[in-house]
Structure formats: C-alpha cells, structure tokens
Amino acid sequence: MRKQCLVAAFLAGLALAVARPAAADCTDEQWLRQVYADGLYRAPSDNEATYWLGFLGQQVGRQTVALGILLSDEAILNYLGGDPQLVKG
C-alpha cells in the first residue's frame, strides 16, 4: 500500500511539473526552481540549475527537462524507496 501511495505522489509531481506555467508566466529559472520544489522537495544546486537551464536554452522542451529531473535516481529513491538500478531495470 505504501508503495502505491509513493507512486501516486510521484505521478502527481510529474503532472505538476509538466503543467507549470508557460514561458510568458515565468522564466525558465523560476520554472526549474518550482519543478525541484514540487518534485524533489529542495532547490537545485547552482550546478544543477546551470545544467538544466543549458538544455532549456537549446530549445529542449520543459516536459523533457521535467522528465529528466523526475526520473532521476534521486526522485526514484525519494518516491519509490528503492534502488534506482533495480527500478530502471
């Protein structure tokens, strides 16, 4: 039962990240910080922000960046409580 709740929370975080406001409503950096807050419950480090903002600057979509963050080893450990290598196969 606990794992089902964690999976539901993970999917809710993914939905929130993908549904974040359009570029007209916030900057890429504001959006990125909110995805981290919603998905990983923390702010991105300077290196992480630079890394992901670099992708956004190359016209990679926000959905792709959100998936990268929310399917990271850290997110898998947070939400699923398992070994990322086992979860990813």
N, C-alpha and C. Protein backbone atom coordinates (compact mmCIF):
# COMPACT_ATOMS: atom_id res chain seq x y z
N MET A 1 0.81 -1.19 0.00
CA MET A 1 0.00 0.00 0.00
C MET A 1 0.87 1.26 0.00
N ARG A 2 1.93 1.26 0.81
CA ARG A 2 2.82 2.42 0.89
C ARG A 2 3.42 2.73 -0.47
N LYS A 3 3.87 1.71 -1.18
CA LYS A 3 4.49 1.91 -2.49
C LYS A 3 3.49 2.50 -3.47
N GLN A 4 2.21 2.10 -3.39
CA GLN A 4 1.19 2.66 -4.27
C GLN A 4 1.02 4.15 -4.00
N CYS A 5 1.05 4.54 -2.74
CA CYS A 5 0.94 5.96 -2.39
C CYS A 5 2.14 6.74 -2.91
N LEU A 6 3.32 6.16 -2.81
CA LEU A 6 4.52 6.83 -3.29
C LEU A 6 4.49 6.98 -4.80
N VAL A 7 4.02 5.97 -5.50
CA VAL A 7 3.91 6.05 -6.95
C VAL A 7 2.90 7.13 -7.33
N ALA A 8 1.78 7.19 -6.62
CA ALA A 8 0.78 8.23 -6.88
C ALA A 8 1.37 9.62 -6.64
N ALA A 9 2.16 9.78 -5.58
CA ALA A 9 2.80 11.06 -5.31
C ALA A 9 3.79 11.42 -6.40
N PHE A 10 4.53 10.43 -6.87
CA PHE A 10 5.48 10.65 -7.96
C PHE A 10 4.75 11.13 -9.21
N LEU A 11 3.67 10.46 -9.57
CA LEU A 11 2.92 10.84 -10.76
C LEU A 11 2.29 12.21 -10.61
N ALA A 12 1.85 12.55 -9.41
CA ALA A 12 1.30 13.89 -9.17
C ALA A 12 2.38 14.94 -9.35
N GLY A 13 3.59 14.66 -8.87
CA GLY A 13 4.71 15.59 -9.06
C GLY A 13 5.04 15.78 -10.52
N LEU A 14 5.01 14.70 -11.28
CA LEU A 14 5.26 14.78 -12.71
C LEU A 14 4.20 15.63 -13.39
N ALA A 15 2.95 15.41 -13.04
CA ALA A 15 1.86 16.19 -13.63
C ALA A 15 2.00 17.66 -13.30
N LEU A 16 2.37 17.98 -12.07
CA LEU A 16 2.58 19.38 -11.68
C LEU A 16 3.71 20.01 -12.49
N ALA A 17 4.79 19.29 -12.64
CA ALA A 17 5.94 19.83 -13.36
C ALA A 17 5.62 20.11 -14.81
N VAL A 18 4.91 19.20 -15.44
CA VAL A 18 4.58 19.35 -16.85
C VAL A 18 3.57 20.47 -17.05
N ALA A 19 2.71 20.69 -16.07
CA ALA A 19 1.66 21.70 -16.18
C ALA A 19 2.11 23.08 -15.71
N ARG A 20 3.36 23.24 -15.35
CA ARG A 20 3.85 24.55 -14.90
C ARG A 20 3.51 25.62 -15.93
N PRO A 21 3.40 26.87 -15.49
CA PRO A 21 3.01 27.96 -16.40
C PRO A 21 3.91 28.09 -17.62
N ALA A 22 3.36 28.62 -18.66
CA ALA A 22 4.10 28.83 -19.92
C ALA A 22 5.17 29.90 -19.73
N ALA A 23 6.06 30.02 -20.69
CA ALA A 23 7.17 30.96 -20.62
C ALA A 23 6.70 32.39 -20.37
N ALA A 24 5.53 32.73 -20.85
CA ALA A 24 5.01 34.09 -20.65
C ALA A 24 4.73 34.35 -19.18
N ASP A 25 4.50 33.30 -18.40
CA ASP A 25 4.15 33.45 -16.99
C ASP A 25 5.35 33.43 -16.06
N CYS A 26 6.44 32.78 -16.46
CA CYS A 26 7.62 32.71 -15.60
C CYS A 26 8.86 32.43 -16.46
N THR A 27 10.00 32.76 -15.90
CA THR A 27 11.25 32.48 -16.61
C THR A 27 11.57 31.00 -16.49
N ASP A 28 12.49 30.54 -17.33
CA ASP A 28 12.93 29.15 -17.23
C ASP A 28 13.50 28.85 -15.86
N GLU A 29 14.25 29.79 -15.29
CA GLU A 29 14.84 29.56 -13.97
C GLU A 29 13.77 29.45 -12.89
N GLN A 30 12.76 30.30 -12.94
CA GLN A 30 11.67 30.21 -11.98
C GLN A 30 10.95 28.87 -12.11
N TRP A 31 10.69 28.49 -13.35
CA TRP A 31 10.03 27.21 -13.60
C TRP A 31 10.85 26.05 -13.06
N LEU A 32 12.16 26.06 -13.34
CA LEU A 32 13.05 24.99 -12.89
C LEU A 32 13.06 24.89 -11.37
N ARG A 33 13.16 26.01 -10.70
CA ARG A 33 13.17 26.01 -9.24
C ARG A 33 11.87 25.44 -8.68
N GLN A 34 10.76 25.72 -9.35
CA GLN A 34 9.47 25.19 -8.89
C GLN A 34 9.36 23.69 -9.12
N VAL A 35 9.90 23.21 -10.25
CA VAL A 35 9.91 21.76 -10.52
C VAL A 35 10.71 21.05 -9.43
N TYR A 36 11.87 21.60 -9.07
CA TYR A 36 12.66 21.00 -8.00
C TYR A 36 11.90 21.01 -6.69
N ALA A 37 11.25 22.14 -6.38
CA ALA A 37 10.49 22.23 -5.13
C ALA A 37 9.35 21.22 -5.10
N ASP A 38 8.62 21.10 -6.22
CA ASP A 38 7.48 20.19 -6.27
C ASP A 38 7.92 18.73 -6.36
N GLY A 39 8.97 18.47 -7.11
CA GLY A 39 9.36 17.09 -7.38
C GLY A 39 10.39 16.51 -6.45
N LEU A 40 11.36 17.32 -6.02
CA LEU A 40 12.44 16.80 -5.18
C LEU A 40 12.46 17.42 -3.79
N TYR A 41 11.55 18.35 -3.54
CA TYR A 41 11.41 19.00 -2.24
C TYR A 41 12.66 19.75 -1.80
N ARG A 42 13.33 20.33 -2.79
CA ARG A 42 14.53 21.12 -2.49
C ARG A 42 14.81 22.04 -3.67
N ALA A 43 15.73 22.97 -3.46
CA ALA A 43 16.16 23.84 -4.55
C ALA A 43 17.29 23.16 -5.32
N PRO A 44 17.43 23.47 -6.60
CA PRO A 44 18.56 22.91 -7.34
C PRO A 44 19.86 23.57 -6.90
N SER A 45 20.95 22.82 -6.95
CA SER A 45 22.26 23.43 -6.71
C SER A 45 22.57 24.35 -7.89
N ASP A 46 23.58 25.18 -7.74
CA ASP A 46 23.98 26.04 -8.86
C ASP A 46 24.36 25.22 -10.08
N ASN A 47 25.08 24.11 -9.86
CA ASN A 47 25.49 23.25 -10.98
C ASN A 47 24.28 22.60 -11.66
N GLU A 48 23.32 22.15 -10.87
CA GLU A 48 22.11 21.54 -11.44
C GLU A 48 21.31 22.56 -12.24
N ALA A 49 21.16 23.76 -11.69
CA ALA A 49 20.42 24.80 -12.40
C ALA A 49 21.11 25.13 -13.72
N THR A 50 22.42 25.27 -13.70
CA THR A 50 23.16 25.56 -14.93
C THR A 50 22.98 24.45 -15.95
N TYR A 51 23.05 23.22 -15.49
CA TYR A 51 22.91 22.05 -16.37
C TYR A 51 21.55 22.06 -17.07
N TRP A 52 20.47 22.14 -16.29
CA TRP A 52 19.13 22.08 -16.88
C TRP A 52 18.78 23.33 -17.67
N LEU A 53 19.22 24.49 -17.21
CA LEU A 53 18.95 25.72 -17.96
C LEU A 53 19.68 25.70 -19.30
N GLY A 54 20.82 25.00 -19.35
CA GLY A 54 21.53 24.83 -20.62
C GLY A 54 20.69 24.08 -21.64
N PHE A 55 19.99 23.05 -21.18
CA PHE A 55 19.09 22.32 -22.08
C PHE A 55 17.94 23.20 -22.53
N LEU A 56 17.36 23.93 -21.59
CA LEU A 56 16.23 24.80 -21.95
C LEU A 56 16.68 25.88 -22.93
N GLY A 57 17.92 26.34 -22.79
CA GLY A 57 18.47 27.34 -23.70
C GLY A 57 18.71 26.79 -25.10
N GLN A 58 18.78 25.47 -25.23
CA GLN A 58 18.97 24.82 -26.52
C GLN A 58 17.64 24.37 -27.11
N GLN A 59 16.56 24.94 -26.61
CA GLN A 59 15.21 24.66 -27.10
C GLN A 59 14.71 23.26 -26.77
N VAL A 60 15.27 22.64 -25.75
CA VAL A 60 14.72 21.38 -25.25
C VAL A 60 13.47 21.76 -24.46
N GLY A 61 12.38 21.07 -24.66
CA GLY A 61 11.12 21.43 -24.02
C GLY A 61 11.13 21.22 -22.51
N ARG A 62 10.27 21.96 -21.86
CA ARG A 62 10.13 21.84 -20.41
C ARG A 62 9.67 20.45 -20.00
N GLN A 63 8.84 19.82 -20.80
CA GLN A 63 8.39 18.46 -20.46
C GLN A 63 9.56 17.50 -20.41
N THR A 64 10.49 17.63 -21.35
CA THR A 64 11.67 16.76 -21.39
C THR A 64 12.55 16.98 -20.17
N VAL A 65 12.74 18.25 -19.81
CA VAL A 65 13.56 18.57 -18.63
C VAL A 65 12.87 18.05 -17.37
N ALA A 66 11.56 18.25 -17.26
CA ALA A 66 10.83 17.76 -16.09
C ALA A 66 10.96 16.24 -15.96
N LEU A 67 10.85 15.54 -17.07
CA LEU A 67 11.01 14.08 -17.04
C LEU A 67 12.42 13.70 -16.58
N GLY A 68 13.42 14.42 -17.07
CA GLY A 68 14.80 14.14 -16.66
C GLY A 68 14.99 14.29 -15.16
N ILE A 69 14.38 15.30 -14.59
CA ILE A 69 14.50 15.54 -13.15
C ILE A 69 13.70 14.51 -12.36
N LEU A 70 12.48 14.28 -12.79
CA LEU A 70 11.58 13.43 -12.02
C LEU A 70 11.79 11.94 -12.25
N LEU A 71 12.64 11.59 -13.22
CA LEU A 71 13.03 10.19 -13.39
C LEU A 71 14.48 9.97 -12.98
N SER A 72 15.04 10.94 -12.27
CA SER A 72 16.42 10.83 -11.79
C SER A 72 16.52 9.80 -10.67
N ASP A 73 17.73 9.35 -10.41
CA ASP A 73 17.95 8.41 -9.30
C ASP A 73 17.42 8.98 -7.99
N GLU A 74 17.64 10.27 -7.78
CA GLU A 74 17.18 10.91 -6.53
C GLU A 74 15.66 10.83 -6.41
N ALA A 75 14.96 11.13 -7.48
CA ALA A 75 13.49 11.08 -7.43
C ALA A 75 13.01 9.65 -7.20
N ILE A 76 13.63 8.70 -7.85
CA ILE A 76 13.23 7.30 -7.67
C ILE A 76 13.44 6.88 -6.22
N LEU A 77 14.56 7.26 -5.64
CA LEU A 77 14.80 6.93 -4.23
C LEU A 77 13.79 7.62 -3.33
N ASN A 78 13.47 8.89 -3.63
CA ASN A 78 12.51 9.64 -2.81
C ASN A 78 11.12 9.03 -2.87
N TYR A 79 10.67 8.72 -4.07
CA TYR A 79 9.29 8.30 -4.25
C TYR A 79 9.08 6.80 -4.10
N LEU A 80 9.98 6.04 -4.63
CA LEU A 80 9.78 4.60 -4.66
C LEU A 80 10.55 3.87 -3.57
N GLY A 81 11.53 4.56 -3.00
CA GLY A 81 12.28 3.98 -1.89
C GLY A 81 13.10 2.77 -2.26
N GLY A 82 13.46 2.67 -3.52
CA GLY A 82 14.21 1.50 -3.95
C GLY A 82 15.52 1.86 -4.61
N ASP A 83 16.23 0.85 -5.03
CA ASP A 83 17.47 1.02 -5.74
C ASP A 83 17.13 1.47 -7.17
N PRO A 84 17.63 2.65 -7.59
CA PRO A 84 17.32 3.13 -8.94
C PRO A 84 17.67 2.14 -10.03
N GLN A 85 18.74 1.38 -9.87
CA GLN A 85 19.12 0.42 -10.89
C GLN A 85 18.11 -0.71 -11.00
N LEU A 86 17.53 -1.12 -9.88
CA LEU A 86 16.52 -2.16 -9.91
C LEU A 86 15.22 -1.65 -10.51
N VAL A 87 14.87 -0.41 -10.16
CA VAL A 87 13.63 0.19 -10.66
C VAL A 87 13.71 0.39 -12.16
N LYS A 88 14.87 0.88 -12.63
CA LYS A 88 15.04 1.17 -14.07
C LYS A 88 15.26 -0.10 -14.88
N GLY A 89 15.63 -1.17 -14.22
CA GLY A 89 15.85 -2.44 -14.94
C GLY A 89 17.22 -2.54 -15.39
